[in-house]
């Protein structure tokens, strides 16, 4: 669970850094410090409290949105368990070289600071998977970055970088799949970029490039390139990069490379000709060998784009009352856009997938429960609370409004009737979850700003916020009495399944309403609805005082090694 300080308080309270004390006492693995209250404390102390560096169990540390934070103390070297270090949106002018001691570090985010140079210690981070240093004042990257052999994503956009280190385009970086270097001063791109065998996304827009090397076409997995905003010598190519698809540009570059080889053959000796022909043959063989693999990868590729909570003016928040602690304490939520439920059986497939998740990873709802809502029908902010069964009123799916007592009694009667009719012990539907509430004097519920109960886990959610084919934004909720990580894992699984279903829908181009559930005559799915990309908007869960409990997804979520899933932060 995250613990953060955002609520206002007296200076005496702030002097104590209670969130650090609590993290130490409870042996927490994650700590978030952000916002105005922390900023004031940092300003009065001249930096972070030294006690933060004694939290050696931390594997996730975030210190962000603190304009008074200009440096990080060298004692950070003691946090050797850190896997994610997020120091974004501060005013950091330097990072200590001892950051190289954090040998377990996988994610390092130093974006939106005042850095003019990166510490040499970065090259010692052998486990580093994601490095984000965008929106700083960097002019060079450290030599030896190719030693970070597990690097998969590098974002150096919006700096003053004039070029890449001499050793950067190396076969050592055989896992680097995303390179974003837009809005810099890069004047030349080496043909050695072809050595980045895993490169899929390359963004060099708004730089000072005059040429694009034909060798770029030899990157076997390259799927997305962006060179817009560069004044290229080849005006035809410049026109293409401003409007054409990646494949067309790569084909053009490949043709230019072959053309130059043809000119060289007229002037070179036989030995050189033979070498070039051999090279061509090897290239064709390589292309043929990877074509089938690339085709499969492209067909299966799913994209999830995460929007930070600070980038949404009216982001939903969920307040959690203290009373849920003894009933069903854990909750994570998010908003999903881009899920196309209109065509064919897409809505039915989604509901069946949710049922399957309930039966499998949710342990028939004993481990956790999923609920989905139409965002357009929600009135925020939301409150996760508990109510006595006689006072909890809800309009259950497909039924009229009733109290929880009436609903449970009705479900018990239906279960008995089913047993008699079918002459068996097992029951189906909601009836099989009734035992999960036995002995409970209070029931958990999610309540909207108008006081309506929209969710009653683990039994049902409300007809008022029911998703339909026309639903464009979904609010997802996962609750559990087991652990917060359980909620996150199940939400991860749900989003991956949604991405799979959305891709299936986009590829099969079913007609809207073809399963008879539509509100009108079938309509062909529009071009805008065939994209399989999902947008995940973070949702903050806070306590009664407004202190952050958890935000989902965080940088440590959706991080499992799923080869065909690309998560863009």
Foldseek 3Di string as FASTA:
>chain_A
DEFEDAFDDDPVVLQVVVQLVVCVVVLNQEYEYEYDSSLVSCQVVVHDDPSNLVSLNHQYYAYAHRQSHAEDDPSVLSNLNHQEYHDEHYAHAAYDLSVLSNQNHAYYAHDQYAYQAYHPSQLSNLNHAEYHHDNYAYAAHDPNVLSNQNHAEYAHAHYAHQAYDPCNLALSNQRHAYYHHDHYAHADDDLSVLSNQNHAEEEHAQYAYADDALSVLNNQRHAYYAHHNYNYPPVVLNVCNVPHGPVVSNVVSPVVVVVVLVVVVVPDDPVVNVVVVVVVVVSVVVNVVSVVVNVVLVLLFFEEEEDEQVVDPDFEAEAEEPVCLVPFPAKFKWKKFLQQLFFDCLVVVLVVVQVVLCVPLCVVVQFKAKDKFQPVLAADHKYKYKDFQQPQWAAFVPHGIDGNVVVLVVLVVVQVVVCVVVVDDDDDDLSVCSVVCPPPRIWIFMAGPVGHTQDTPPRGGHPSGDDASPRRMMMMMMTGNPDNVSSLVSVLVSVVVSLSSLSVCLVVQGWGCPVVRDPDDTDGDDPSSSDSYMYIYKYFYAYPSRITDDIPPDPPGNPPPDPNYHYHD
